[in-house]
Amino acid sequence: MPVTHRPSIAVRRALRKLGEDIGNARRRRQLTMEILAERAFTSRQTLQKVEAGNAMVAMGIYAAVLQALGLLDRVADLAAPGQDEVGLRLADEKLPKR
């Protein structure tokens, strides 16, 4: 029997905020759900789930919606090495000390 994925509260909060931000961006651009869904190559029902922050929607759908809004560039840098403070700190600790 498959195990149902239950994301943590932090993940659910982050996705809920992302969904709200996507909905606000859509409304600021005065786009209907139908138009944005069409531009993102998805359905209106899936877009509703995105705007609700549904964790079961594939990351690719979130990315397609962000691209349709012109906001995809920021996603590509989320885990960039220069943004990884913990990784940078760990790398600095491994540097030789003289």
N, C-alpha and C. Protein backbone atom coordinates (compact mmCIF):
# COMPACT_ATOMS: atom_id res chain seq x y z
N MET A 1 0.85 -1.18 0.00
CA MET A 1 0.00 0.00 0.00
C MET A 1 0.89 1.24 0.00
N PRO A 2 0.66 2.19 -0.92
CA PRO A 2 1.49 3.40 -0.98
C PRO A 2 1.31 4.28 0.25
N VAL A 3 2.40 4.93 0.61
CA VAL A 3 2.37 5.85 1.75
C VAL A 3 2.02 7.24 1.22
N THR A 4 1.06 7.89 1.86
CA THR A 4 0.67 9.24 1.47
C THR A 4 1.68 10.23 2.02
N HIS A 5 2.13 11.10 1.14
CA HIS A 5 3.09 12.12 1.56
C HIS A 5 2.36 13.20 2.34
N ARG A 6 2.87 13.52 3.51
CA ARG A 6 2.31 14.58 4.35
C ARG A 6 3.40 15.61 4.59
N PRO A 7 3.38 16.72 3.82
CA PRO A 7 4.43 17.72 4.00
C PRO A 7 4.37 18.37 5.38
N SER A 8 5.51 18.85 5.82
CA SER A 8 5.60 19.51 7.12
C SER A 8 4.79 20.81 7.11
N ILE A 9 4.54 21.34 8.28
CA ILE A 9 3.81 22.60 8.41
C ILE A 9 4.58 23.73 7.73
N ALA A 10 5.92 23.71 7.81
CA ALA A 10 6.72 24.75 7.17
C ALA A 10 6.55 24.71 5.65
N VAL A 11 6.52 23.50 5.08
CA VAL A 11 6.32 23.36 3.64
C VAL A 11 4.93 23.83 3.26
N ARG A 12 3.93 23.44 4.02
CA ARG A 12 2.55 23.86 3.71
C ARG A 12 2.41 25.38 3.79
N ARG A 13 3.03 26.00 4.80
CA ARG A 13 2.97 27.47 4.92
C ARG A 13 3.65 28.15 3.73
N ALA A 14 4.82 27.63 3.35
CA ALA A 14 5.55 28.22 2.22
C ALA A 14 4.75 28.11 0.93
N LEU A 15 4.14 26.96 0.70
CA LEU A 15 3.33 26.78 -0.51
C LEU A 15 2.07 27.62 -0.47
N ARG A 16 1.48 27.76 0.71
CA ARG A 16 0.29 28.60 0.83
C ARG A 16 0.64 30.05 0.50
N LYS A 17 1.78 30.52 1.00
CA LYS A 17 2.22 31.89 0.69
C LYS A 17 2.52 32.04 -0.79
N LEU A 18 3.21 31.05 -1.36
CA LEU A 18 3.51 31.10 -2.79
C LEU A 18 2.22 31.15 -3.60
N GLY A 19 1.25 30.33 -3.24
CA GLY A 19 -0.03 30.34 -3.93
C GLY A 19 -0.74 31.68 -3.83
N GLU A 20 -0.74 32.26 -2.63
CA GLU A 20 -1.35 33.58 -2.45
C GLU A 20 -0.63 34.63 -3.29
N ASP A 21 0.69 34.56 -3.31
CA ASP A 21 1.48 35.52 -4.10
C ASP A 21 1.19 35.36 -5.58
N ILE A 22 1.05 34.13 -6.04
CA ILE A 22 0.71 33.88 -7.43
C ILE A 22 -0.67 34.45 -7.75
N GLY A 23 -1.62 34.23 -6.87
CA GLY A 23 -2.96 34.78 -7.08
C GLY A 23 -2.95 36.30 -7.11
N ASN A 24 -2.19 36.91 -6.22
CA ASN A 24 -2.08 38.38 -6.21
C ASN A 24 -1.42 38.89 -7.49
N ALA A 25 -0.37 38.19 -7.95
CA ALA A 25 0.30 38.60 -9.19
C ALA A 25 -0.65 38.49 -10.37
N ARG A 26 -1.46 37.44 -10.39
CA ARG A 26 -2.45 37.28 -11.47
C ARG A 26 -3.45 38.43 -11.47
N ARG A 27 -3.94 38.76 -10.29
CA ARG A 27 -4.93 39.84 -10.20
C ARG A 27 -4.31 41.20 -10.53
N ARG A 28 -3.07 41.45 -10.09
CA ARG A 28 -2.41 42.71 -10.44
C ARG A 28 -2.26 42.86 -11.95
N ARG A 29 -2.07 41.75 -12.63
CA ARG A 29 -1.94 41.77 -14.08
C ARG A 29 -3.30 41.75 -14.77
N GLN A 30 -4.36 41.72 -13.97
CA GLN A 30 -5.74 41.70 -14.45
C GLN A 30 -5.99 40.53 -15.39
N LEU A 31 -5.47 39.36 -15.00
CA LEU A 31 -5.67 38.15 -15.77
C LEU A 31 -6.73 37.29 -15.10
N THR A 32 -7.59 36.70 -15.89
CA THR A 32 -8.54 35.74 -15.34
C THR A 32 -7.84 34.42 -15.11
N MET A 33 -8.42 33.56 -14.31
CA MET A 33 -7.86 32.23 -14.09
C MET A 33 -7.80 31.46 -15.40
N GLU A 34 -8.82 31.62 -16.22
CA GLU A 34 -8.87 30.90 -17.50
C GLU A 34 -7.69 31.29 -18.39
N ILE A 35 -7.41 32.59 -18.47
CA ILE A 35 -6.33 33.06 -19.34
C ILE A 35 -4.98 32.58 -18.80
N LEU A 36 -4.75 32.73 -17.50
CA LEU A 36 -3.46 32.30 -16.94
C LEU A 36 -3.30 30.79 -17.07
N ALA A 37 -4.34 30.03 -16.82
CA ALA A 37 -4.26 28.58 -16.96
C ALA A 37 -3.90 28.20 -18.40
N GLU A 38 -4.51 28.87 -19.35
CA GLU A 38 -4.21 28.60 -20.76
C GLU A 38 -2.75 28.92 -21.07
N ARG A 39 -2.26 30.05 -20.58
CA ARG A 39 -0.86 30.44 -20.83
C ARG A 39 0.12 29.50 -20.14
N ALA A 40 -0.30 28.88 -19.05
CA ALA A 40 0.56 27.95 -18.32
C ALA A 40 0.34 26.50 -18.79
N PHE A 41 -0.50 26.31 -19.77
CA PHE A 41 -0.79 24.98 -20.33
C PHE A 41 -1.31 24.02 -19.26
N THR A 42 -2.24 24.52 -18.46
CA THR A 42 -2.86 23.70 -17.43
C THR A 42 -4.34 24.02 -17.39
N SER A 43 -5.04 23.40 -16.48
CA SER A 43 -6.49 23.65 -16.35
C SER A 43 -6.77 24.70 -15.29
N ARG A 44 -7.96 25.25 -15.35
CA ARG A 44 -8.38 26.23 -14.34
C ARG A 44 -8.40 25.58 -12.97
N GLN A 45 -8.84 24.33 -12.90
CA GLN A 45 -8.90 23.62 -11.62
C GLN A 45 -7.51 23.45 -11.02
N THR A 46 -6.52 23.15 -11.85
CA THR A 46 -5.15 23.02 -11.34
C THR A 46 -4.62 24.37 -10.89
N LEU A 47 -4.93 25.42 -11.63
CA LEU A 47 -4.52 26.76 -11.22
C LEU A 47 -5.14 27.13 -9.88
N GLN A 48 -6.38 26.74 -9.65
CA GLN A 48 -7.01 26.98 -8.34
C GLN A 48 -6.22 26.28 -7.24
N LYS A 49 -5.77 25.06 -7.50
CA LYS A 49 -4.96 24.33 -6.52
C LYS A 49 -3.63 25.04 -6.28
N VAL A 50 -3.01 25.55 -7.35
CA VAL A 50 -1.76 26.29 -7.21
C VAL A 50 -1.97 27.51 -6.31
N GLU A 51 -3.01 28.28 -6.59
CA GLU A 51 -3.27 29.49 -5.81
C GLU A 51 -3.65 29.16 -4.36
N ALA A 52 -4.09 27.93 -4.12
CA ALA A 52 -4.39 27.50 -2.75
C ALA A 52 -3.14 26.94 -2.07
N GLY A 53 -2.04 26.79 -2.83
CA GLY A 53 -0.81 26.26 -2.25
C GLY A 53 -0.82 24.76 -2.05
N ASN A 54 -1.55 24.05 -2.89
CA ASN A 54 -1.69 22.61 -2.77
C ASN A 54 -0.34 21.92 -3.00
N ALA A 55 0.10 21.13 -2.03
CA ALA A 55 1.39 20.46 -2.10
C ALA A 55 1.40 19.28 -3.07
N MET A 56 0.24 18.85 -3.50
CA MET A 56 0.18 17.71 -4.41
C MET A 56 0.31 18.12 -5.87
N VAL A 57 0.33 19.41 -6.15
CA VAL A 57 0.54 19.90 -7.51
C VAL A 57 2.04 19.84 -7.80
N ALA A 58 2.38 19.33 -8.98
CA ALA A 58 3.79 19.16 -9.35
C ALA A 58 4.51 20.50 -9.41
N MET A 59 5.78 20.47 -9.05
CA MET A 59 6.61 21.67 -9.08
C MET A 59 6.65 22.25 -10.50
N GLY A 60 6.59 21.39 -11.50
CA GLY A 60 6.60 21.84 -12.88
C GLY A 60 5.41 22.72 -13.22
N ILE A 61 4.27 22.43 -12.60
CA ILE A 61 3.07 23.26 -12.82
C ILE A 61 3.27 24.62 -12.18
N TYR A 62 3.79 24.64 -10.95
CA TYR A 62 4.08 25.92 -10.30
C TYR A 62 5.03 26.73 -11.18
N ALA A 63 6.07 26.07 -11.73
CA ALA A 63 7.05 26.76 -12.58
C ALA A 63 6.39 27.29 -13.85
N ALA A 64 5.49 26.51 -14.44
CA ALA A 64 4.79 26.95 -15.66
C ALA A 64 3.93 28.17 -15.39
N VAL A 65 3.27 28.19 -14.24
CA VAL A 65 2.43 29.34 -13.88
C VAL A 65 3.32 30.57 -13.64
N LEU A 66 4.43 30.38 -12.94
CA LEU A 66 5.35 31.50 -12.71
C LEU A 66 5.91 32.03 -14.02
N GLN A 67 6.21 31.13 -14.95
CA GLN A 67 6.69 31.56 -16.26
C GLN A 67 5.63 32.38 -16.99
N ALA A 68 4.39 31.93 -16.93
CA ALA A 68 3.30 32.65 -17.59
C ALA A 68 3.12 34.04 -16.99
N LEU A 69 3.51 34.21 -15.73
CA LEU A 69 3.43 35.51 -15.07
C LEU A 69 4.72 36.34 -15.25
N GLY A 70 5.73 35.74 -15.86
CA GLY A 70 7.01 36.44 -16.03
C GLY A 70 7.86 36.44 -14.78
N LEU A 71 7.65 35.46 -13.90
CA LEU A 71 8.36 35.42 -12.62
C LEU A 71 9.27 34.21 -12.46
N LEU A 72 9.53 33.49 -13.53
CA LEU A 72 10.29 32.24 -13.43
C LEU A 72 11.76 32.45 -13.10
N ASP A 73 12.34 33.56 -13.51
CA ASP A 73 13.79 33.78 -13.31
C ASP A 73 14.21 33.61 -11.86
N ARG A 74 13.41 34.04 -10.94
CA ARG A 74 13.77 33.95 -9.52
C ARG A 74 13.84 32.51 -9.05
N VAL A 75 13.03 31.64 -9.62
CA VAL A 75 13.00 30.24 -9.20
C VAL A 75 14.32 29.56 -9.50
N ALA A 76 14.92 29.88 -10.63
CA ALA A 76 16.17 29.25 -11.04
C ALA A 76 17.31 29.51 -10.05
N ASP A 77 17.21 30.55 -9.26
CA ASP A 77 18.28 30.91 -8.33
C ASP A 77 17.99 30.54 -6.88
N LEU A 78 16.89 29.87 -6.61
CA LEU A 78 16.53 29.56 -5.22
C LEU A 78 17.60 28.75 -4.49
N ALA A 79 18.19 27.78 -5.16
CA ALA A 79 19.20 26.94 -4.51
C ALA A 79 20.59 27.19 -5.08
N ALA A 80 20.79 28.35 -5.67
CA ALA A 80 22.10 28.69 -6.25
C ALA A 80 23.16 28.68 -5.15
N PRO A 81 24.38 28.25 -5.49
CA PRO A 81 25.43 28.17 -4.48
C PRO A 81 25.64 29.47 -3.71
N GLY A 82 25.53 30.59 -4.35
CA GLY A 82 25.73 31.87 -3.68
C GLY A 82 24.62 32.21 -2.70
N GLN A 83 23.49 31.54 -2.81
CA GLN A 83 22.35 31.77 -1.91
C GLN A 83 22.34 30.80 -0.73
N ASP A 84 23.20 29.80 -0.78
CA ASP A 84 23.21 28.73 0.23
C ASP A 84 24.11 29.12 1.40
N GLU A 85 23.56 29.84 2.34
CA GLU A 85 24.34 30.33 3.47
C GLU A 85 24.94 29.20 4.30
N VAL A 86 24.18 28.16 4.54
CA VAL A 86 24.68 27.04 5.34
C VAL A 86 25.81 26.34 4.60
N GLY A 87 25.61 26.07 3.32
CA GLY A 87 26.65 25.43 2.53
C GLY A 87 27.92 26.26 2.45
N LEU A 88 27.77 27.56 2.29
CA LEU A 88 28.94 28.45 2.24
C LEU A 88 29.68 28.44 3.58
N ARG A 89 28.93 28.47 4.67
CA ARG A 89 29.55 28.45 6.00
C ARG A 89 30.30 27.14 6.22
N LEU A 90 29.69 26.02 5.82
CA LEU A 90 30.36 24.73 5.97
C LEU A 90 31.62 24.65 5.12
N ALA A 91 31.56 25.19 3.92
CA ALA A 91 32.74 25.20 3.05
C ALA A 91 33.85 26.06 3.66
N ASP A 92 33.48 27.19 4.24
CA ASP A 92 34.46 28.07 4.89
C ASP A 92 35.15 27.37 6.06
N GLU A 93 34.39 26.56 6.80
CA GLU A 93 34.97 25.85 7.95
C GLU A 93 35.99 24.81 7.52
N LYS A 94 35.87 24.30 6.30
CA LYS A 94 36.80 23.29 5.79
C LYS A 94 38.06 23.88 5.18
N LEU A 95 38.10 25.21 5.03
CA LEU A 95 39.28 25.85 4.49
C LEU A 95 40.46 25.66 5.44
N PRO A 96 41.68 25.49 4.91
CA PRO A 96 42.83 25.33 5.80
C PRO A 96 43.06 26.58 6.65
N LYS A 97 43.41 26.33 7.87
CA LYS A 97 43.67 27.46 8.80
C LYS A 97 45.18 27.54 8.99
N ARG A 98 45.73 28.72 8.89
CA ARG A 98 47.17 28.91 9.05
C ARG A 98 47.45 29.84 10.18
